[in-house]
Amino acid sequence: ARSLPRMRAEAYAAEVAASGGHSHGGGEGDAGSAHGHDEGGGPAQSDAPGNGDGHDEAAAESAPGHHDHDTPAAAAHHPHGSADTRTPVAADPASAPELVVHRSPSCGCCLAWVDQMRAAGFRVEVREVADLEAVKRRLGVPPGAASCHTAEVAGYFVEGHVPAADILRLLAERPEARGLAVPGMPLGSPGMEVPSGITQPYDVLLVAADGSTTTFSRHP
């Protein structure tokens, strides 16, 4: 797949409209800010490891893919591989990780991402909220890492269009951190596919307890 600079929101909307795809809303600015969030110039990349206040270790025992190198969680270690985000994460749906997703009622790509998470085996609760910025502040999402929707899972936040394989890896490794983020809305990320197949390279960031970020995985 070829890459290109971020498309402006109106160009993306025109392509979707021409092909009968789903709409992500209009607005000025690039595709990464089509939902009206102020995302700044993007977070600074840091090599400092996360040093937050730990999480419940019981979840690590039940996290899927901890010892299985053929799982989506293991595939996320190899960003140039082909992680299958639609592989079930648990045989018993009742034991699958639960995602609580906070979204704006007007955002269509959020629901497309939710569909992929459910297909991957996650249990998902969707909450429509009027003030997403308040949710992001509560969870500690850095302004430069913001996207359209914000999810919570096992004490972490998942900001934006993070692939299921990366979430599984997070739950398997249980780093001391706030969560994962894909800043903006890169084309080709889960829930942001377009009929033409155009994709943009993007990084999944690990946000440490102090708000610093490191690259968790790369998706070409």
C-alpha atoms as a PDB file:
ATOM      1  CA  ALA A   1       0.000   0.000   0.000  1.00  0.00           C
ATOM      2  CA  ARG A   2       1.259   3.459  -0.792  1.00  0.00           C
ATOM      3  CA  SER A   3       1.519   6.242   1.736  1.00  0.00           C
ATOM      4  CA  LEU A   4       0.966   9.946   1.418  1.00  0.00           C
ATOM      5  CA  PRO A   5       0.823  13.028   3.627  1.00  0.00           C
ATOM      6  CA  ARG A   6      -2.302  13.354   5.733  1.00  0.00           C
ATOM      7  CA  MET A   7      -5.320  14.035   3.550  1.00  0.00           C
ATOM      8  CA  ARG A   8      -7.443  17.029   4.390  1.00  0.00           C
ATOM      9  CA  ALA A   9     -10.777  16.143   5.863  1.00  0.00           C
ATOM     10  CA  GLU A  10     -12.696  17.418   2.859  1.00  0.00           C
ATOM     11  CA  ALA A  11     -10.620  15.262   0.466  1.00  0.00           C
ATOM     12  CA  TYR A  12     -11.239  12.214   2.601  1.00  0.00           C
ATOM     13  CA  ALA A  13     -14.970  12.971   2.826  1.00  0.00           C
ATOM     14  CA  ALA A  14     -15.143  13.411  -0.958  1.00  0.00           C
ATOM     15  CA  GLU A  15     -13.536  10.043  -1.555  1.00  0.00           C
ATOM     16  CA  VAL A  16     -15.839   8.309   0.889  1.00  0.00           C
ATOM     17  CA  ALA A  17     -18.921  10.005  -0.605  1.00  0.00           C
ATOM     18  CA  ALA A  18     -17.886   9.009  -4.132  1.00  0.00           C
ATOM     19  CA  SER A  19     -17.532   5.365  -3.122  1.00  0.00           C
ATOM     20  CA  GLY A  20     -20.580   5.128  -0.862  1.00  0.00           C
ATOM     21  CA  GLY A  21     -18.466   4.517   2.246  1.00  0.00           C
ATOM     22  CA  HIS A  22     -19.148   5.733   5.793  1.00  0.00           C
ATOM     23  CA  SER A  23     -18.707   9.380   6.680  1.00  0.00           C
ATOM     24  CA  HIS A  24     -16.474  10.715   9.433  1.00  0.00           C
ATOM     25  CA  GLY A  25     -17.871  14.217   9.479  1.00  0.00           C
ATOM     26  CA  GLY A  26     -16.592  17.390   7.885  1.00  0.00           C
ATOM     27  CA  GLY A  27     -14.685  20.314   9.210  1.00  0.00           C
ATOM     28  CA  GLU A  28     -11.504  22.155   8.386  1.00  0.00           C
ATOM     29  CA  GLY A  29      -8.006  20.831   8.916  1.00  0.00           C
ATOM     30  CA  ASP A  30      -6.421  17.484   8.142  1.00  0.00           C
ATOM     31  CA  ALA A  31      -7.943  14.060   8.634  1.00  0.00           C
ATOM     32  CA  GLY A  32      -6.372  13.845  12.050  1.00  0.00           C
ATOM     33  CA  SER A  33      -8.536  16.664  13.375  1.00  0.00           C
ATOM     34  CA  ALA A  34     -11.788  16.139  11.501  1.00  0.00           C
ATOM     35  CA  HIS A  35     -13.641  15.742  14.790  1.00  0.00           C
ATOM     36  CA  GLY A  36     -12.651  19.153  16.069  1.00  0.00           C
ATOM     37  CA  HIS A  37     -10.008  18.103  18.598  1.00  0.00           C
ATOM     38  CA  ASP A  38      -6.986  20.271  19.154  1.00  0.00           C
ATOM     39  CA  GLU A  39      -4.174  17.802  18.634  1.00  0.00           C
ATOM     40  CA  GLY A  40      -1.257  20.214  18.442  1.00  0.00           C
ATOM     41  CA  GLY A  41       1.856  19.228  16.570  1.00  0.00           C
ATOM     42  CA  GLY A  42       2.041  15.661  17.855  1.00  0.00           C
ATOM     43  CA  PRO A  43       3.854  14.298  20.882  1.00  0.00           C
ATOM     44  CA  ALA A  44       7.606  14.350  21.250  1.00  0.00           C
ATOM     45  CA  GLN A  45       9.127  10.891  20.978  1.00  0.00           C
ATOM     46  CA  SER A  46      10.965   9.926  24.148  1.00  0.00           C
ATOM     47  CA  ASP A  47      13.099   6.935  25.034  1.00  0.00           C
ATOM     48  CA  ALA A  48      12.200   7.151  28.717  1.00  0.00           C
ATOM     49  CA  PRO A  49      10.465   3.953  29.874  1.00  0.00           C
ATOM     50  CA  GLY A  50       7.090   4.133  31.562  1.00  0.00           C
ATOM     51  CA  ASN A  51       7.360   4.505  35.330  1.00  0.00           C
ATOM     52  CA  GLY A  52       3.779   4.811  36.444  1.00  0.00           C
ATOM     53  CA  ASP A  53       1.973   3.420  39.420  1.00  0.00           C
ATOM     54  CA  GLY A  54       1.452  -0.300  38.549  1.00  0.00           C
ATOM     55  CA  HIS A  55      -1.758  -2.065  37.643  1.00  0.00           C
ATOM     56  CA  ASP A  56      -3.647  -5.075  38.976  1.00  0.00           C
ATOM     57  CA  GLU A  57      -1.344  -8.031  38.374  1.00  0.00           C
ATOM     58  CA  ALA A  58      -4.271 -10.436  38.371  1.00  0.00           C
ATOM     59  CA  ALA A  59      -5.180  -9.230  34.896  1.00  0.00           C
ATOM     60  CA  ALA A  60      -1.735 -10.283  33.656  1.00  0.00           C
ATOM     61  CA  GLU A  61      -2.461 -13.876  34.620  1.00  0.00           C
ATOM     62  CA  SER A  62      -5.592 -13.934  32.495  1.00  0.00           C
ATOM     63  CA  ALA A  63      -4.273 -11.807  29.638  1.00  0.00           C
ATOM     64  CA  PRO A  64      -4.455 -13.770  26.369  1.00  0.00           C
ATOM     65  CA  GLY A  65      -1.395 -14.536  24.253  1.00  0.00           C
ATOM     66  CA  HIS A  66       1.150 -14.184  27.080  1.00  0.00           C
ATOM     67  CA  HIS A  67       2.967 -17.385  26.121  1.00  0.00           C
ATOM     68  CA  ASP A  68       1.640 -17.982  22.609  1.00  0.00           C
ATOM     69  CA  HIS A  69       3.900 -16.585  19.903  1.00  0.00           C
ATOM     70  CA  ASP A  70       1.263 -17.114  17.217  1.00  0.00           C
ATOM     71  CA  THR A  71      -1.279 -14.766  18.765  1.00  0.00           C
ATOM     72  CA  PRO A  72      -2.078 -11.198  17.613  1.00  0.00           C
ATOM     73  CA  ALA A  73      -0.298  -9.970  20.742  1.00  0.00           C
ATOM     74  CA  ALA A  74       2.920 -11.613  19.593  1.00  0.00           C
ATOM     75  CA  ALA A  75       2.453 -10.303  16.067  1.00  0.00           C
ATOM     76  CA  ALA A  76       2.436  -6.739  17.403  1.00  0.00           C
ATOM     77  CA  HIS A  77       6.094  -7.226  18.366  1.00  0.00           C
ATOM     78  CA  HIS A  78       6.871  -7.368  14.654  1.00  0.00           C
ATOM     79  CA  PRO A  79       5.463  -4.158  13.175  1.00  0.00           C
ATOM     80  CA  HIS A  80       6.307  -5.235   9.641  1.00  0.00           C
ATOM     81  CA  GLY A  81       4.363  -8.485  10.033  1.00  0.00           C
ATOM     82  CA  SER A  82       0.702  -9.021   9.299  1.00  0.00           C
ATOM     83  CA  ALA A  83      -1.091  -8.986  12.643  1.00  0.00           C
ATOM     84  CA  ASP A  84      -4.628 -10.379  12.399  1.00  0.00           C
ATOM     85  CA  THR A  85      -6.810  -8.041  14.422  1.00  0.00           C
ATOM     86  CA  ARG A  86      -9.854 -10.245  13.825  1.00  0.00           C
ATOM     87  CA  THR A  87      -8.534 -13.336  15.657  1.00  0.00           C
ATOM     88  CA  PRO A  88     -10.664 -14.063  18.765  1.00  0.00           C
ATOM     89  CA  VAL A  89      -8.880 -13.202  21.994  1.00  0.00           C
ATOM     90  CA  ALA A  90     -10.747 -15.712  24.157  1.00  0.00           C
ATOM     91  CA  ALA A  91     -12.715 -18.886  23.537  1.00  0.00           C
ATOM     92  CA  ASP A  92     -15.251 -17.846  26.175  1.00  0.00           C
ATOM     93  CA  PRO A  93     -16.721 -14.404  25.394  1.00  0.00           C
ATOM     94  CA  ALA A  94     -17.477 -13.878  29.087  1.00  0.00           C
ATOM     95  CA  SER A  95     -13.740 -13.982  29.863  1.00  0.00           C
ATOM     96  CA  ALA A  96     -12.694 -11.671  27.011  1.00  0.00           C
ATOM     97  CA  PRO A  97     -11.248  -8.261  27.932  1.00  0.00           C
ATOM     98  CA  GLU A  98     -13.859  -5.506  28.142  1.00  0.00           C
ATOM     99  CA  LEU A  99     -13.396  -2.179  26.424  1.00  0.00           C
ATOM    100  CA  VAL A 100     -15.420   0.835  27.543  1.00  0.00           C
ATOM    101  CA  VAL A 101     -15.453   3.244  24.595  1.00  0.00           C
ATOM    102  CA  HIS A 102     -16.282   6.929  24.992  1.00  0.00           C
ATOM    103  CA  ARG A 103     -17.311   8.569  21.721  1.00  0.00           C
ATOM    104  CA  SER A 104     -19.149  11.481  20.178  1.00  0.00           C
ATOM    105  CA  PRO A 105     -22.573  10.544  18.747  1.00  0.00           C
ATOM    106  CA  SER A 106     -21.582  12.105  15.404  1.00  0.00           C
ATOM    107  CA  CYS A 107     -18.417  10.044  14.860  1.00  0.00           C
ATOM    108  CA  GLY A 108     -18.813   7.158  12.402  1.00  0.00           C
ATOM    109  CA  CYS A 109     -15.230   5.918  12.362  1.00  0.00           C
ATOM    110  CA  CYS A 110     -15.455   5.237  16.114  1.00  0.00           C
ATOM    111  CA  LEU A 111     -18.172   2.664  15.483  1.00  0.00           C
ATOM    112  CA  ALA A 112     -16.121   1.122  12.656  1.00  0.00           C
ATOM    113  CA  TRP A 113     -13.254   0.668  15.144  1.00  0.00           C
ATOM    114  CA  VAL A 114     -15.682  -0.797  17.725  1.00  0.00           C
ATOM    115  CA  ASP A 115     -16.887  -3.340  15.146  1.00  0.00           C
ATOM    116  CA  GLN A 116     -13.313  -4.505  14.599  1.00  0.00           C
ATOM    117  CA  MET A 117     -12.663  -4.805  18.328  1.00  0.00           C
ATOM    118  CA  ARG A 118     -15.780  -6.951  18.741  1.00  0.00           C
ATOM    119  CA  ALA A 119     -14.731  -9.089  15.780  1.00  0.00           C
ATOM    120  CA  ALA A 120     -11.370  -9.572  17.519  1.00  0.00           C
ATOM    121  CA  GLY A 121     -13.178 -10.981  20.572  1.00  0.00           C
ATOM    122  CA  PHE A 122     -13.359  -8.004  22.926  1.00  0.00           C
ATOM    123  CA  ARG A 123     -16.519  -7.250  24.857  1.00  0.00           C
ATOM    124  CA  VAL A 124     -17.316  -3.592  24.161  1.00  0.00           C
ATOM    125  CA  GLU A 125     -19.512  -1.093  25.966  1.00  0.00           C
ATOM    126  CA  VAL A 126     -20.060   2.140  24.036  1.00  0.00           C
ATOM    127  CA  ARG A 127     -20.827   5.358  25.908  1.00  0.00           C
ATOM    128  CA  GLU A 128     -21.843   8.468  24.002  1.00  0.00           C
ATOM    129  CA  VAL A 129     -20.607  11.572  25.806  1.00  0.00           C
ATOM    130  CA  ALA A 130     -20.973  15.277  25.163  1.00  0.00           C
ATOM    131  CA  ASP A 131     -17.570  16.258  26.574  1.00  0.00           C
ATOM    132  CA  LEU A 132     -14.849  13.899  25.353  1.00  0.00           C
ATOM    133  CA  GLU A 133     -12.134  16.324  26.417  1.00  0.00           C
ATOM    134  CA  ALA A 134     -13.162  15.836  30.052  1.00  0.00           C
ATOM    135  CA  VAL A 135     -12.773  12.065  29.631  1.00  0.00           C
ATOM    136  CA  LYS A 136      -9.321  12.497  28.084  1.00  0.00           C
ATOM    137  CA  ARG A 137      -8.220  14.790  30.912  1.00  0.00           C
ATOM    138  CA  ARG A 138      -9.485  12.341  33.539  1.00  0.00           C
ATOM    139  CA  LEU A 139      -7.550   9.460  31.993  1.00  0.00           C
ATOM    140  CA  GLY A 140      -4.399  11.503  31.336  1.00  0.00           C
ATOM    141  CA  VAL A 141      -4.346  11.481  27.526  1.00  0.00           C
ATOM    142  CA  PRO A 142      -1.659  13.994  26.448  1.00  0.00           C
ATOM    143  CA  PRO A 143      -3.115  16.712  24.169  1.00  0.00           C
ATOM    144  CA  GLY A 144      -0.655  15.878  21.402  1.00  0.00           C
ATOM    145  CA  ALA A 145      -1.740  12.218  21.403  1.00  0.00           C
ATOM    146  CA  ALA A 146      -5.482  12.857  21.126  1.00  0.00           C
ATOM    147  CA  SER A 147      -7.783  11.227  18.584  1.00  0.00           C
ATOM    148  CA  CYS A 148     -11.544  10.997  18.136  1.00  0.00           C
ATOM    149  CA  HIS A 149     -12.557   8.312  20.666  1.00  0.00           C
ATOM    150  CA  THR A 150     -11.121   7.175  24.003  1.00  0.00           C
ATOM    151  CA  ALA A 151     -11.440   3.673  25.442  1.00  0.00           C
ATOM    152  CA  GLU A 152     -10.590   2.090  28.803  1.00  0.00           C
ATOM    153  CA  VAL A 153      -9.431  -1.474  29.403  1.00  0.00           C
ATOM    154  CA  ALA A 154      -7.937  -3.071  32.534  1.00  0.00           C
ATOM    155  CA  GLY A 155      -6.760   0.237  34.004  1.00  0.00           C
ATOM    156  CA  TYR A 156      -5.287   1.592  30.755  1.00  0.00           C
ATOM    157  CA  PHE A 157      -6.620   4.053  28.210  1.00  0.00           C
ATOM    158  CA  VAL A 158      -6.685   3.266  24.490  1.00  0.00           C
ATOM    159  CA  GLU A 159      -6.777   6.483  22.500  1.00  0.00           C
ATOM    160  CA  GLY A 160      -7.861   6.426  18.874  1.00  0.00           C
ATOM    161  CA  HIS A 161      -7.523   3.771  16.201  1.00  0.00           C
ATOM    162  CA  VAL A 162      -5.207   1.341  18.002  1.00  0.00           C
ATOM    163  CA  PRO A 163      -5.090  -2.166  16.432  1.00  0.00           C
ATOM    164  CA  ALA A 164      -6.452  -5.046  18.505  1.00  0.00           C
ATOM    165  CA  ALA A 165      -3.079  -6.836  18.404  1.00  0.00           C
ATOM    166  CA  ASP A 166      -1.421  -3.905  20.171  1.00  0.00           C
ATOM    167  CA  ILE A 167      -4.094  -3.883  22.880  1.00  0.00           C
ATOM    168  CA  LEU A 168      -3.543  -7.607  23.417  1.00  0.00           C
ATOM    169  CA  ARG A 169       0.191  -7.056  23.735  1.00  0.00           C
ATOM    170  CA  LEU A 170      -0.435  -4.272  26.270  1.00  0.00           C
ATOM    171  CA  LEU A 171      -2.584  -6.599  28.364  1.00  0.00           C
ATOM    172  CA  ALA A 172      -0.042  -9.408  28.115  1.00  0.00           C
ATOM    173  CA  GLU A 173       2.988  -7.296  29.075  1.00  0.00           C
ATOM    174  CA  ARG A 174       1.242  -5.029  31.627  1.00  0.00           C
ATOM    175  CA  PRO A 175       3.746  -2.130  31.476  1.00  0.00           C
ATOM    176  CA  GLU A 176       3.575   0.633  34.074  1.00  0.00           C
ATOM    177  CA  ALA A 177       1.948   3.251  31.881  1.00  0.00           C
ATOM    178  CA  ARG A 178      -1.230   5.230  31.287  1.00  0.00           C
ATOM    179  CA  GLY A 179      -2.085   3.536  28.008  1.00  0.00           C
ATOM    180  CA  LEU A 180      -1.740   3.457  24.221  1.00  0.00           C
ATOM    181  CA  ALA A 181      -2.509   6.137  21.636  1.00  0.00           C
ATOM    182  CA  VAL A 182      -2.639   6.591  17.885  1.00  0.00           C
ATOM    183  CA  PRO A 183      -2.649  10.389  17.479  1.00  0.00           C
ATOM    184  CA  GLY A 184      -4.987  11.809  14.873  1.00  0.00           C
ATOM    185  CA  MET A 185      -6.873   9.600  12.438  1.00  0.00           C
ATOM    186  CA  PRO A 186      -4.388   7.989  10.014  1.00  0.00           C
ATOM    187  CA  LEU A 187      -5.930   6.454   6.912  1.00  0.00           C
ATOM    188  CA  GLY A 188      -5.733   2.685   6.857  1.00  0.00           C
ATOM    189  CA  SER A 189      -5.712   2.295  10.634  1.00  0.00           C
ATOM    190  CA  PRO A 190      -8.529   0.137  12.109  1.00  0.00           C
ATOM    191  CA  GLY A 191     -11.828   1.895  11.429  1.00  0.00           C
ATOM    192  CA  MET A 192     -10.211   4.398   9.034  1.00  0.00           C
ATOM    193  CA  GLU A 193     -10.030   2.226   5.913  1.00  0.00           C
ATOM    194  CA  VAL A 194     -11.006   3.856   2.613  1.00  0.00           C
ATOM    195  CA  PRO A 195     -12.244   2.147  -0.574  1.00  0.00           C
ATOM    196  CA  SER A 196      -9.120   3.137  -2.533  1.00  0.00           C
ATOM    197  CA  GLY A 197      -6.924   1.226  -0.078  1.00  0.00           C
ATOM    198  CA  ILE A 198      -4.750   4.260   0.635  1.00  0.00           C
ATOM    199  CA  THR A 199      -2.870   3.953   3.931  1.00  0.00           C
ATOM    200  CA  GLN A 200      -0.666   6.253   5.982  1.00  0.00           C
ATOM    201  CA  PRO A 201       2.197   4.934   8.142  1.00  0.00           C
ATOM    202  CA  TYR A 202       1.511   5.467  11.835  1.00  0.00           C
ATOM    203  CA  ASP A 203       2.966   4.677  15.238  1.00  0.00           C
ATOM    204  CA  VAL A 204       1.198   3.349  18.304  1.00  0.00           C
ATOM    205  CA  LEU A 205       2.548   5.283  21.297  1.00  0.00           C
ATOM    206  CA  LEU A 206       2.953   4.015  24.844  1.00  0.00           C
ATOM    207  CA  VAL A 207       2.146   6.872  27.238  1.00  0.00           C
ATOM    208  CA  ALA A 208       4.103   6.653  30.496  1.00  0.00           C
ATOM    209  CA  ALA A 209       2.817   7.786  33.885  1.00  0.00           C
ATOM    210  CA  ASP A 210       4.592  11.129  33.484  1.00  0.00           C
ATOM    211  CA  GLY A 211       2.974  11.750  30.091  1.00  0.00           C
ATOM    212  CA  SER A 212       6.088  11.014  28.043  1.00  0.00           C
ATOM    213  CA  THR A 213       5.738   8.716  25.035  1.00  0.00           C
ATOM    214  CA  THR A 214       7.726   5.951  23.396  1.00  0.00           C
ATOM    215  CA  THR A 215       6.977   4.011  20.225  1.00  0.00           C
ATOM    216  CA  PHE A 216       5.095   0.819  21.111  1.00  0.00           C
ATOM    217  CA  SER A 217       4.700  -0.427  17.529  1.00  0.00           C
ATOM    218  CA  ARG A 218       4.941   0.843  13.961  1.00  0.00           C
ATOM    219  CA  HIS A 219       2.506   0.164  11.160  1.00  0.00           C
ATOM    220  CA  PRO A 220       3.785   0.832   7.630  1.00  0.00           C
END
